[in-house]
C-alpha cells in the first residue's frame, strides 16, 4: 500500500490548488479515504472524507463550500480541490486510508501574499 500526494505549493489568498493522492497496491474506490492537514504547532485535523460506499462526503466546517474531495477510479487517485484559499489553510496535507491506517508523506500548502 502506498499513497503519494502532490500538488501543493505557494498560492495567494483567494487562489486555488488541486491536491492529488495517487494510490498503489490497492483499489482506492473500495476504501474510505480522507484528507487531513497539520499546521505548524497544531494537531493534525480531518479536512474531508469520501466513503467507500456510495461515495458520500464529509467536510470540516472550516472548509465546507470551498474544498471538494473526489476520486478518479481509472487513475486510482483521490483529489482535493481547494478554492478560495485562506492563510489559515496553510498546512501539510496528508492522504489517509482508514482501513489499516495508511498515511501518505504529505504535501505542503502555503497560502500567503
PDB file of N, CA and C in Angstrom:
ATOM      1  N   UNK A   1       0.849  -1.190   0.000  1.00  0.00           N
ATOM      2  CA  UNK A   1       0.000   0.000   0.000  1.00  0.00           C
ATOM      3  C   UNK A   1       0.883   1.238   0.000  1.00  0.00           C
ATOM      4  N   UNK A   2       0.599   2.131  -0.940  1.00  0.00           N
ATOM      5  CA  UNK A   2       1.350   3.375  -0.992  1.00  0.00           C
ATOM      6  C   UNK A   2       0.420   4.511  -1.386  1.00  0.00           C
ATOM      7  N   UNK A   3       0.583   5.643  -0.713  1.00  0.00           N
ATOM      8  CA  UNK A   3      -0.165   6.853  -1.012  1.00  0.00           C
ATOM      9  C   UNK A   3       0.846   7.961  -1.285  1.00  0.00           C
ATOM     10  N   UNK A   4       0.757   8.601  -2.435  1.00  0.00           N
ATOM     11  CA  UNK A   4       1.701   9.642  -2.799  1.00  0.00           C
ATOM     12  C   UNK A   4       0.934  10.912  -3.136  1.00  0.00           C
ATOM     13  N   UNK A   5       1.118  11.934  -2.305  1.00  0.00           N
ATOM     14  CA  UNK A   5       0.448  13.214  -2.527  1.00  0.00           C
ATOM     15  C   UNK A   5       1.295  14.113  -3.415  1.00  0.00           C
ATOM     16  N   UNK A   6       0.624  14.990  -4.124  1.00  0.00           N
ATOM     17  CA  UNK A   6       1.287  16.002  -4.926  1.00  0.00           C
ATOM     18  C   UNK A   6       0.332  17.167  -5.127  1.00  0.00           C
ATOM     19  N   UNK A   7       0.879  18.267  -5.646  1.00  0.00           N
ATOM     20  CA  UNK A   7       0.032  19.405  -5.981  1.00  0.00           C
ATOM     21  C   UNK A   7       0.121  20.576  -5.025  1.00  0.00           C
ATOM     22  N   UNK A   8       0.856  20.424  -3.942  1.00  0.00           N
ATOM     23  CA  UNK A   8       0.993  21.525  -3.012  1.00  0.00           C
ATOM     24  C   UNK A   8       1.881  22.621  -3.574  1.00  0.00           C
ATOM     25  N   UNK A   9       1.928  23.735  -2.855  1.00  0.00           N
ATOM     26  CA  UNK A   9       2.770  24.845  -3.288  1.00  0.00           C
ATOM     27  C   UNK A   9       2.361  26.130  -2.621  1.00  0.00           C
ATOM     28  N   UNK A  10       2.864  27.223  -3.170  1.00  0.00           N
ATOM     29  CA  UNK A  10       2.568  28.552  -2.656  1.00  0.00           C
ATOM     30  C   UNK A  10       1.469  29.176  -3.518  1.00  0.00           C
ATOM     31  N   UNK A  11       0.450  29.699  -2.868  1.00  0.00           N
ATOM     32  CA  UNK A  11      -0.657  30.326  -3.589  1.00  0.00           C
ATOM     33  C   UNK A  11      -1.106  31.560  -2.810  1.00  0.00           C
ATOM     34  N   UNK A  12      -1.598  32.550  -3.530  1.00  0.00           N
ATOM     35  CA  UNK A  12      -2.079  33.766  -2.880  1.00  0.00           C
ATOM     36  C   UNK A  12      -3.459  33.544  -2.280  1.00  0.00           C
ATOM     37  N   UNK A  13      -3.809  34.304  -1.253  1.00  0.00           N
ATOM     38  CA  UNK A  13      -5.169  34.214  -0.706  1.00  0.00           C
ATOM     39  C   UNK A  13      -6.208  34.405  -1.804  1.00  0.00           C
ATOM     40  N   UNK A  14      -7.247  33.570  -1.751  1.00  0.00           N
ATOM     41  CA  UNK A  14      -8.282  33.601  -2.784  1.00  0.00           C
ATOM     42  C   UNK A  14      -8.008  32.678  -3.947  1.00  0.00           C
ATOM     43  N   UNK A  15      -6.813  32.129  -3.998  1.00  0.00           N
ATOM     44  CA  UNK A  15      -6.441  31.253  -5.099  1.00  0.00           C
ATOM     45  C   UNK A  15      -6.921  29.825  -4.908  1.00  0.00           C
ATOM     46  N   UNK A  16      -6.515  28.972  -5.854  1.00  0.00           N
ATOM     47  CA  UNK A  16      -6.943  27.565  -5.845  1.00  0.00           C
ATOM     48  C   UNK A  16      -5.754  26.636  -6.049  1.00  0.00           C
ATOM     49  N   UNK A  17      -5.903  25.450  -5.531  1.00  0.00           N
ATOM     50  CA  UNK A  17      -4.949  24.367  -5.756  1.00  0.00           C
ATOM     51  C   UNK A  17      -5.727  23.062  -5.816  1.00  0.00           C
ATOM     52  N   UNK A  18      -5.187  22.098  -6.559  1.00  0.00           N
ATOM     53  CA  UNK A  18      -5.757  20.754  -6.533  1.00  0.00           C
ATOM     54  C   UNK A  18      -4.682  19.788  -6.085  1.00  0.00           C
ATOM     55  N   UNK A  19      -4.945  19.124  -4.978  1.00  0.00           N
ATOM     56  CA  UNK A  19      -4.038  18.103  -4.473  1.00  0.00           C
ATOM     57  C   UNK A  19      -4.439  16.745  -5.032  1.00  0.00           C
ATOM     58  N   UNK A  20      -3.438  15.923  -5.282  1.00  0.00           N
ATOM     59  CA  UNK A  20      -3.678  14.566  -5.771  1.00  0.00           C
ATOM     60  C   UNK A  20      -3.079  13.560  -4.807  1.00  0.00           C
ATOM     61  N   UNK A  21      -3.737  12.427  -4.683  1.00  0.00           N
ATOM     62  CA  UNK A  21      -3.242  11.316  -3.872  1.00  0.00           C
ATOM     63  C   UNK A  21      -3.292  10.071  -4.749  1.00  0.00           C
ATOM     64  N   UNK A  22      -2.134   9.691  -5.255  1.00  0.00           N
ATOM     65  CA  UNK A  22      -2.061   8.512  -6.113  1.00  0.00           C
ATOM     66  C   UNK A  22      -1.913   7.270  -5.242  1.00  0.00           C
ATOM     67  N   UNK A  23      -2.860   6.366  -5.373  1.00  0.00           N
ATOM     68  CA  UNK A  23      -2.850   5.138  -4.575  1.00  0.00           C
ATOM     69  C   UNK A  23      -2.273   3.987  -5.380  1.00  0.00           C
ATOM     70  N   UNK A  24      -1.505   3.153  -4.720  1.00  0.00           N
ATOM     71  CA  UNK A  24      -0.994   1.952  -5.359  1.00  0.00           C
ATOM     72  C   UNK A  24      -1.024   0.811  -4.356  1.00  0.00           C
ATOM     73  N   UNK A  25      -1.142  -0.385  -4.885  1.00  0.00           N
ATOM     74  CA  UNK A  25      -1.204  -1.558  -4.027  1.00  0.00           C
ATOM     75  C   UNK A  25      -2.596  -1.917  -3.566  1.00  0.00           C
ATOM     76  N   UNK A  26      -3.579  -1.097  -3.944  1.00  0.00           N
ATOM     77  CA  UNK A  26      -4.961  -1.379  -3.591  1.00  0.00           C
ATOM     78  C   UNK A  26      -5.854  -0.537  -4.492  1.00  0.00           C
ATOM     79  N   UNK A  27      -7.153  -0.855  -4.478  1.00  0.00           N
ATOM     80  CA  UNK A  27      -8.130  -0.122  -5.283  1.00  0.00           C
ATOM     81  C   UNK A  27      -8.811   0.913  -4.407  1.00  0.00           C
ATOM     82  N   UNK A  28      -8.524   2.183  -4.677  1.00  0.00           N
ATOM     83  CA  UNK A  28      -8.963   3.250  -3.782  1.00  0.00           C
ATOM     84  C   UNK A  28     -10.480   3.338  -3.652  1.00  0.00           C
ATOM     85  N   UNK A  29     -11.227   3.000  -4.705  1.00  0.00           N
ATOM     86  CA  UNK A  29     -12.670   3.212  -4.682  1.00  0.00           C
ATOM     87  C   UNK A  29     -13.387   2.303  -3.687  1.00  0.00           C
ATOM     88  N   UNK A  30     -12.730   1.250  -3.213  1.00  0.00           N
ATOM     89  CA  UNK A  30     -13.394   0.346  -2.279  1.00  0.00           C
ATOM     90  C   UNK A  30     -12.980   0.604  -0.838  1.00  0.00           C
ATOM     91  N   UNK A  31     -12.298   1.732  -0.633  1.00  0.00           N
ATOM     92  CA  UNK A  31     -11.900   2.118   0.717  1.00  0.00           C
ATOM     93  C   UNK A  31     -12.360   3.538   1.017  1.00  0.00           C
ATOM     94  N   UNK A  32     -12.660   3.804   2.268  1.00  0.00           N
ATOM     95  CA  UNK A  32     -12.915   5.159   2.719  1.00  0.00           C
ATOM     96  C   UNK A  32     -11.583   5.899   2.789  1.00  0.00           C
ATOM     97  N   UNK A  33     -11.542   7.032   2.113  1.00  0.00           N
ATOM     98  CA  UNK A  33     -10.317   7.823   2.016  1.00  0.00           C
ATOM     99  C   UNK A  33     -10.555   9.226   2.548  1.00  0.00           C
ATOM    100  N   UNK A  34      -9.535   9.801   3.142  1.00  0.00           N
ATOM    101  CA  UNK A  34      -9.654  11.141   3.714  1.00  0.00           C
ATOM    102  C   UNK A  34      -8.427  11.984   3.409  1.00  0.00           C
ATOM    103  N   UNK A  35      -8.627  13.270   3.545  1.00  0.00           N
ATOM    104  CA  UNK A  35      -7.534  14.244   3.568  1.00  0.00           C
ATOM    105  C   UNK A  35      -7.485  14.843   4.974  1.00  0.00           C
ATOM    106  N   UNK A  36      -6.308  14.898   5.540  1.00  0.00           N
ATOM    107  CA  UNK A  36      -6.041  15.567   6.795  1.00  0.00           C
ATOM    108  C   UNK A  36      -5.044  16.691   6.529  1.00  0.00           C
ATOM    109  N   UNK A  37      -4.924  17.589   7.489  1.00  0.00           N
ATOM    110  CA  UNK A  37      -3.886  18.611   7.412  1.00  0.00           C
ATOM    111  C   UNK A  37      -3.326  18.881   8.797  1.00  0.00           C
ATOM    112  N   UNK A  38      -2.099  19.351   8.788  1.00  0.00           N
ATOM    113  CA  UNK A  38      -1.446  19.704  10.044  1.00  0.00           C
ATOM    114  C   UNK A  38      -0.678  20.997   9.851  1.00  0.00           C
ATOM    115  N   UNK A  39      -1.127  22.024  10.545  1.00  0.00           N
ATOM    116  CA  UNK A  39      -0.430  23.293  10.528  1.00  0.00           C
ATOM    117  C   UNK A  39       0.685  23.260  11.571  1.00  0.00           C
ATOM    118  N   UNK A  40       1.665  24.109  11.390  1.00  0.00           N
ATOM    119  CA  UNK A  40       2.813  24.130  12.287  1.00  0.00           C
ATOM    120  C   UNK A  40       2.358  24.414  13.710  1.00  0.00           C
ATOM    121  N   UNK A  41       2.760  23.556  14.651  1.00  0.00           N
ATOM    122  CA  UNK A  41       2.415  23.748  16.049  1.00  0.00           C
ATOM    123  C   UNK A  41       1.020  23.318  16.427  1.00  0.00           C
ATOM    124  N   UNK A  42       0.281  22.727  15.490  1.00  0.00           N
ATOM    125  CA  UNK A  42      -1.087  22.307  15.758  1.00  0.00           C
ATOM    126  C   UNK A  42      -1.243  20.808  15.521  1.00  0.00           C
ATOM    127  N   UNK A  43      -2.344  20.269  16.030  1.00  0.00           N
ATOM    128  CA  UNK A  43      -2.625  18.859  15.813  1.00  0.00           C
ATOM    129  C   UNK A  43      -3.150  18.622  14.405  1.00  0.00           C
ATOM    130  N   UNK A  44      -2.957  17.393  13.949  1.00  0.00           N
ATOM    131  CA  UNK A  44      -3.489  17.028  12.647  1.00  0.00           C
ATOM    132  C   UNK A  44      -5.013  17.006  12.722  1.00  0.00           C
ATOM    133  N   UNK A  45      -5.662  17.539  11.692  1.00  0.00           N
ATOM    134  CA  UNK A  45      -7.120  17.607  11.699  1.00  0.00           C
ATOM    135  C   UNK A  45      -7.707  17.059  10.407  1.00  0.00           C
ATOM    136  N   UNK A  46      -8.889  16.493  10.536  1.00  0.00           N
ATOM    137  CA  UNK A  46      -9.591  15.954   9.383  1.00  0.00           C
ATOM    138  C   UNK A  46     -10.151  17.094   8.531  1.00  0.00           C
ATOM    139  N   UNK A  47      -9.925  17.013   7.239  1.00  0.00           N
ATOM    140  CA  UNK A  47     -10.410  18.038   6.306  1.00  0.00           C
ATOM    141  C   UNK A  47     -11.612  17.521   5.525  1.00  0.00           C
ATOM    142  N   UNK A  48     -11.477  16.352   4.919  1.00  0.00           N
ATOM    143  CA  UNK A  48     -12.557  15.823   4.081  1.00  0.00           C
ATOM    144  C   UNK A  48     -12.441  14.310   3.985  1.00  0.00           C
ATOM    145  N   UNK A  49     -13.596  13.657   3.807  1.00  0.00           N
ATOM    146  CA  UNK A  49     -13.652  12.201   3.692  1.00  0.00           C
ATOM    147  C   UNK A  49     -14.594  11.807   2.567  1.00  0.00           C
ATOM    148  N   UNK A  50     -14.208  10.755   1.848  1.00  0.00           N
ATOM    149  CA  UNK A  50     -15.106  10.153   0.860  1.00  0.00           C
ATOM    150  C   UNK A  50     -15.273   8.683   1.249  1.00  0.00           C
ATOM    151  N   UNK A  51     -16.506   8.287   1.473  1.00  0.00           N
ATOM    152  CA  UNK A  51     -16.748   6.918   1.920  1.00  0.00           C
ATOM    153  C   UNK A  51     -16.646   5.937   0.768  1.00  0.00           C
ATOM    154  N   UNK A  52     -16.385   4.686   1.136  1.00  0.00           N
ATOM    155  CA  UNK A  52     -16.255   3.630   0.142  1.00  0.00           C
ATOM    156  C   UNK A  52     -17.614   3.201  -0.391  1.00  0.00           C
ATOM    157  N   UNK A  53     -18.641   3.443   0.384  1.00  0.00           N
ATOM    158  CA  UNK A  53     -19.977   3.015  -0.006  1.00  0.00           C
ATOM    159  C   UNK A  53     -20.746   4.222  -0.499  1.00  0.00           C
ATOM    160  N   UNK A  54     -20.994   4.262  -1.769  1.00  0.00           N
ATOM    161  CA  UNK A  54     -21.777   5.358  -2.323  1.00  0.00           C
ATOM    162  C   UNK A  54     -21.013   6.633  -2.544  1.00  0.00           C
ATOM    163  N   UNK A  55     -19.797   6.709  -2.029  1.00  0.00           N
ATOM    164  CA  UNK A  55     -19.001   7.906  -2.258  1.00  0.00           C
ATOM    165  C   UNK A  55     -19.514   9.135  -1.547  1.00  0.00           C
ATOM    166  N   UNK A  56     -20.246   8.947  -0.434  1.00  0.00           N
ATOM    167  CA  UNK A  56     -20.719  10.126   0.302  1.00  0.00           C
ATOM    168  C   UNK A  56     -19.526  10.871   0.878  1.00  0.00           C
ATOM    169  N   UNK A  57     -19.715  12.169   1.093  1.00  0.00           N
ATOM    170  CA  UNK A  57     -18.604  13.006   1.521  1.00  0.00           C
ATOM    171  C   UNK A  57     -18.901  13.711   2.836  1.00  0.00           C
ATOM    172  N   UNK A  58     -17.807  14.053   3.498  1.00  0.00           N
ATOM    173  CA  UNK A  58     -17.863  14.835   4.739  1.00  0.00           C
ATOM    174  C   UNK A  58     -16.786  15.914   4.654  1.00  0.00           C
ATOM    175  N   UNK A  59     -17.120  17.100   5.175  1.00  0.00           N
ATOM    176  CA  UNK A  59     -16.149  18.197   5.202  1.00  0.00           C
ATOM    177  C   UNK A  59     -16.123  18.847   6.577  1.00  0.00           C
ATOM    178  N   UNK A  60     -14.945  19.252   6.987  1.00  0.00           N
ATOM    179  CA  UNK A  60     -14.828  20.059   8.189  1.00  0.00           C
ATOM    180  C   UNK A  60     -15.524  21.397   7.945  1.00  0.00           C
ATOM    181  N   UNK A  61     -16.099  21.954   8.983  1.00  0.00           N
ATOM    182  CA  UNK A  61     -16.814  23.224   8.825  1.00  0.00           C
ATOM    183  C   UNK A  61     -15.928  24.311   8.234  1.00  0.00           C
ATOM    184  N   UNK A  62     -14.658  24.277   8.581  1.00  0.00           N
ATOM    185  CA  UNK A  62     -13.734  25.328   8.144  1.00  0.00           C
ATOM    186  C   UNK A  62     -13.484  25.327   6.639  1.00  0.00           C
ATOM    187  N   UNK A  63     -13.786  24.211   5.962  1.00  0.00           N
ATOM    188  CA  UNK A  63     -13.506  24.132   4.521  1.00  0.00           C
ATOM    189  C   UNK A  63     -14.764  23.900   3.696  1.00  0.00           C
ATOM    190  N   UNK A  64     -15.890  23.697   4.366  1.00  0.00           N
ATOM    191  CA  UNK A  64     -17.138  23.407   3.670  1.00  0.00           C
ATOM    192  C   UNK A  64     -17.443  24.508   2.671  1.00  0.00           C
ATOM    193  N   UNK A  65     -17.867  24.143   1.497  1.00  0.00           N
ATOM    194  CA  UNK A  65     -18.209  25.007   0.357  1.00  0.00           C
ATOM    195  C   UNK A  65     -16.986  25.549  -0.366  1.00  0.00           C
ATOM    196  N   UNK A  66     -15.788  25.320   0.172  1.00  0.00           N
ATOM    197  CA  UNK A  66     -14.561  25.767  -0.528  1.00  0.00           C
ATOM    198  C   UNK A  66     -13.753  24.602  -1.069  1.00  0.00           C
ATOM    199  N   UNK A  67     -13.772  23.479  -0.381  1.00  0.00           N
ATOM    200  CA  UNK A  67     -12.985  22.306  -0.776  1.00  0.00           C
ATOM    201  C   UNK A  67     -13.917  21.211  -1.284  1.00  0.00           C
ATOM    202  N   UNK A  68     -13.399  20.417  -2.219  1.00  0.00           N
ATOM    203  CA  UNK A  68     -14.162  19.286  -2.747  1.00  0.00           C
ATOM    204  C   UNK A  68     -13.248  18.070  -2.864  1.00  0.00           C
ATOM    205  N   UNK A  69     -13.669  16.964  -2.259  1.00  0.00           N
ATOM    206  CA  UNK A  69     -12.946  15.706  -2.393  1.00  0.00           C
ATOM    207  C   UNK A  69     -13.595  14.907  -3.512  1.00  0.00           C
ATOM    208  N   UNK A  70     -12.755  14.281  -4.326  1.00  0.00           N
ATOM    209  CA  UNK A  70     -13.281  13.494  -5.436  1.00  0.00           C
ATOM    210  C   UNK A  70     -12.325  12.341  -5.723  1.00  0.00           C
ATOM    211  N   UNK A  71     -12.752  11.480  -6.655  1.00  0.00           N
ATOM    212  CA  UNK A  71     -11.965  10.269  -6.925  1.00  0.00           C
ATOM    213  C   UNK A  71     -12.045   9.954  -8.409  1.00  0.00           C
ATOM    214  N   UNK A  72     -10.921   9.611  -9.007  1.00  0.00           N
ATOM    215  CA  UNK A  72     -10.868   9.135 -10.383  1.00  0.00           C
ATOM    216  C   UNK A  72     -10.524   7.659 -10.322  1.00  0.00           C
ATOM    217  N   UNK A  73     -11.531   6.817 -10.532  1.00  0.00           N
ATOM    218  CA  UNK A  73     -11.311   5.381 -10.371  1.00  0.00           C
ATOM    219  C   UNK A  73     -10.339   4.839 -11.419  1.00  0.00           C
ATOM    220  N   UNK A  74     -10.374   5.392 -12.614  1.00  0.00           N
ATOM    221  CA  UNK A  74      -9.483   4.920 -13.676  1.00  0.00           C
ATOM    222  C   UNK A  74      -8.019   5.191 -13.331  1.00  0.00           C
ATOM    223  N   UNK A  75      -7.774   6.294 -12.647  1.00  0.00           N
ATOM    224  CA  UNK A  75      -6.406   6.660 -12.278  1.00  0.00           C
ATOM    225  C   UNK A  75      -6.059   6.213 -10.857  1.00  0.00           C
ATOM    226  N   UNK A  76      -7.051   5.647 -10.141  1.00  0.00           N
ATOM    227  CA  UNK A  76      -6.831   5.203  -8.759  1.00  0.00           C
ATOM    228  C   UNK A  76      -6.267   6.344  -7.915  1.00  0.00           C
ATOM    229  N   UNK A  77      -6.872   7.506  -8.083  1.00  0.00           N
ATOM    230  CA  UNK A  77      -6.372   8.730  -7.457  1.00  0.00           C
ATOM    231  C   UNK A  77      -7.513   9.459  -6.765  1.00  0.00           C
ATOM    232  N   UNK A  78      -7.205  10.011  -5.606  1.00  0.00           N
ATOM    233  CA  UNK A  78      -8.144  10.839  -4.854  1.00  0.00           C
ATOM    234  C   UNK A  78      -7.643  12.280  -4.917  1.00  0.00           C
ATOM    235  N   UNK A  79      -8.580  13.196  -5.090  1.00  0.00           N
ATOM    236  CA  UNK A  79      -8.227  14.608  -5.233  1.00  0.00           C
ATOM    237  C   UNK A  79      -8.836  15.448  -4.110  1.00  0.00           C
ATOM    238  N   UNK A  80      -8.215  16.598  -3.891  1.00  0.00           N
ATOM    239  CA  UNK A  80      -8.804  17.615  -3.030  1.00  0.00           C
ATOM    240  C   UNK A  80      -8.689  18.937  -3.773  1.00  0.00           C
ATOM    241  N   UNK A  81      -9.811  19.404  -4.285  1.00  0.00           N
ATOM    242  CA  UNK A  81      -9.857  20.708  -4.940  1.00  0.00           C
ATOM    243  C   UNK A  81     -10.079  21.757  -3.873  1.00  0.00           C
ATOM    244  N   UNK A  82      -9.188  22.727  -3.807  1.00  0.00           N
ATOM    245  CA  UNK A  82      -9.247  23.753  -2.777  1.00  0.00           C
ATOM    246  C   UNK A  82      -9.400  25.114  -3.448  1.00  0.00           C
ATOM    247  N   UNK A  83     -10.507  25.779  -3.193  1.00  0.00           N
ATOM    248  CA  UNK A  83     -10.785  27.100  -3.752  1.00  0.00           C
ATOM    249  C   UNK A  83     -10.874  28.132  -2.637  1.00  0.00           C
ATOM    250  N   UNK A  84     -10.802  29.372  -3.025  1.00  0.00           N
ATOM    251  CA  UNK A  84     -10.914  30.487  -2.068  1.00  0.00           C
ATOM    252  C   UNK A  84     -10.004  30.267  -0.869  1.00  0.00           C
ATOM    253  N   UNK A  85      -8.771  29.949  -1.149  1.00  0.00           N
ATOM    254  CA  UNK A  85      -7.827  29.612  -0.083  1.00  0.00           C
ATOM    255  C   UNK A  85      -7.549  30.801   0.816  1.00  0.00           C
ATOM    256  N   UNK A  86      -7.348  30.487   2.097  1.00  0.00           N
ATOM    257  CA  UNK A  86      -7.086  31.492   3.112  1.00  0.00           C
ATOM    258  C   UNK A  86      -5.738  31.194   3.769  1.00  0.00           C
ATOM    259  N   UNK A  87      -5.117  32.199   4.357  1.00  0.00           N
ATOM    260  CA  UNK A  87      -3.838  31.946   5.049  1.00  0.00           C
ATOM    261  C   UNK A  87      -3.944  30.832   6.093  1.00  0.00           C
ATOM    262  N   UNK A  88      -5.099  30.705   6.733  1.00  0.00           N
ATOM    263  CA  UNK A  88      -5.258  29.662   7.754  1.00  0.00           C
ATOM    264  C   UNK A  88      -5.368  28.262   7.168  1.00  0.00           C
ATOM    265  N   UNK A  89      -5.411  28.146   5.857  1.00  0.00           N
ATOM    266  CA  UNK A  89      -5.364  26.835   5.208  1.00  0.00           C
ATOM    267  C   UNK A  89      -3.934  26.327   5.062  1.00  0.00           C
ATOM    268  N   UNK A  90      -2.969  27.164   5.394  1.00  0.00           N
ATOM    269  CA  UNK A  90      -1.568  26.775   5.305  1.00  0.00           C
ATOM    270  C   UNK A  90      -1.294  25.580   6.212  1.00  0.00           C
ATOM    271  N   UNK A  91      -0.754  24.526   5.644  1.00  0.00           N
ATOM    272  CA  UNK A  91      -0.522  23.289   6.389  1.00  0.00           C
ATOM    273  C   UNK A  91       0.131  22.260   5.475  1.00  0.00           C
ATOM    274  N   UNK A  92       0.559  21.169   6.073  1.00  0.00           N
ATOM    275  CA  UNK A  92       0.922  19.989   5.293  1.00  0.00           C
ATOM    276  C   UNK A  92      -0.336  19.126   5.198  1.00  0.00           C
ATOM    277  N   UNK A  93      -0.667  18.748   3.972  1.00  0.00           N
ATOM    278  CA  UNK A  93      -1.876  17.974   3.721  1.00  0.00           C
ATOM    279  C   UNK A  93      -1.490  16.515   3.468  1.00  0.00           C
ATOM    280  N   UNK A  94      -2.253  15.630   4.132  1.00  0.00           N
ATOM    281  CA  UNK A  94      -1.966  14.206   4.069  1.00  0.00           C
ATOM    282  C   UNK A  94      -3.168  13.430   3.542  1.00  0.00           C
ATOM    283  N   UNK A  95      -2.894  12.454   2.752  1.00  0.00           N
ATOM    284  CA  UNK A  95      -3.894  11.492   2.292  1.00  0.00           C
ATOM    285  C   UNK A  95      -3.894  10.317   3.271  1.00  0.00           C
ATOM    286  N   UNK A  96      -5.076   9.734   3.516  1.00  0.00           N
ATOM    287  CA  UNK A  96      -5.199   8.705   4.542  1.00  0.00           C
ATOM    288  C   UNK A  96      -6.204   7.647   4.124  1.00  0.00           C
ATOM    289  N   UNK A  97      -5.802   6.394   4.269  1.00  0.00           N
ATOM    290  CA  UNK A  97      -6.730   5.286   4.076  1.00  0.00           C
ATOM    291  C   UNK A  97      -7.108   4.744   5.450  1.00  0.00           C
ATOM    292  N   UNK A  98      -8.394   4.788   5.748  1.00  0.00           N
ATOM    293  CA  UNK A  98      -8.839   4.429   7.090  1.00  0.00           C
ATOM    294  C   UNK A  98      -8.538   2.970   7.428  1.00  0.00           C
ATOM    295  N   UNK A  99      -8.826   2.062   6.526  1.00  0.00           N
ATOM    296  CA  UNK A  99      -8.568   0.647   6.788  1.00  0.00           C
ATOM    297  C   UNK A  99      -7.072   0.406   6.798  1.00  0.00           C
ATOM    298  N   UNK A 100      -6.572   0.025   7.925  1.00  0.00           N
ATOM    299  CA  UNK A 100      -5.144  -0.202   8.053  1.00  0.00           C
ATOM    300  C   UNK A 100      -4.345   1.020   8.450  1.00  0.00           C
ATOM    301  N   UNK A 101      -4.997   2.208   8.463  1.00  0.00           N
ATOM    302  CA  UNK A 101      -4.370   3.466   8.917  1.00  0.00           C
ATOM    303  C   UNK A 101      -3.093   3.782   8.136  1.00  0.00           C
ATOM    304  N   UNK A 102      -3.267   3.906   6.827  1.00  0.00           N
ATOM    305  CA  UNK A 102      -2.129   4.230   5.970  1.00  0.00           C
ATOM    306  C   UNK A 102      -2.113   5.733   5.674  1.00  0.00           C
ATOM    307  N   UNK A 103      -0.926   6.319   5.769  1.00  0.00           N
ATOM    308  CA  UNK A 103      -0.732   7.744   5.511  1.00  0.00           C
ATOM    309  C   UNK A 103       0.221   7.944   4.336  1.00  0.00           C
ATOM    310  N   UNK A 104       0.004   9.026   3.610  1.00  0.00           N
ATOM    311  CA  UNK A 104       0.976   9.458   2.633  1.00  0.00           C
ATOM    312  C   UNK A 104       2.043  10.294   3.316  1.00  0.00           C
ATOM    313  N   UNK A 105       2.993  10.801   2.513  1.00  0.00           N
ATOM    314  CA  UNK A 105       4.118  11.554   3.074  1.00  0.00           C
ATOM    315  C   UNK A 105       3.767  13.021   3.279  1.00  0.00           C
ATOM    316  N   UNK A 106       2.674  13.474   2.674  1.00  0.00           N
ATOM    317  CA  UNK A 106       2.233  14.853   2.821  1.00  0.00           C
ATOM    318  C   UNK A 106       2.727  15.758   1.723  1.00  0.00           C
ATOM    319  N   UNK A 107       1.949  16.806   1.478  1.00  0.00           N
ATOM    320  CA  UNK A 107       2.332  17.850   0.535  1.00  0.00           C
ATOM    321  C   UNK A 107       2.030  19.191   1.185  1.00  0.00           C
ATOM    322  N   UNK A 108       2.969  20.120   1.080  1.00  0.00           N
ATOM    323  CA  UNK A 108       2.851  21.379   1.801  1.00  0.00           C
ATOM    324  C   UNK A 108       2.093  22.419   0.985  1.00  0.00           C
ATOM    325  N   UNK A 109       1.145  23.062   1.640  1.00  0.00           N
ATOM    326  CA  UNK A 109       0.377  24.147   1.040  1.00  0.00           C
ATOM    327  C   UNK A 109       0.624  25.402   1.857  1.00  0.00           C
ATOM    328  N   UNK A 110       1.040  26.457   1.169  1.00  0.00           N
ATOM    329  CA  UNK A 110       1.265  27.742   1.814  1.00  0.00           C
ATOM    330  C   UNK A 110       0.403  28.785   1.128  1.00  0.00           C
ATOM    331  N   UNK A 111      -0.432  29.451   1.908  1.00  0.00           N
ATOM    332  CA  UNK A 111      -1.298  30.496   1.372  1.00  0.00           C
ATOM    333  C   UNK A 111      -0.800  31.827   1.927  1.00  0.00           C
ATOM    334  N   UNK A 112      -0.230  32.624   1.057  1.00  0.00           N
ATOM    335  CA  UNK A 112       0.377  33.867   1.502  1.00  0.00           C
ATOM    336  C   UNK A 112       0.509  34.829   0.337  1.00  0.00           C
ATOM    337  N   UNK A 113       0.418  36.123   0.657  1.00  0.00           N
ATOM    338  CA  UNK A 113       0.626  37.147  -0.370  1.00  0.00           C
ATOM    339  C   UNK A 113       2.072  37.604  -0.363  1.00  0.00           C
TER     340      UNK A 113
END
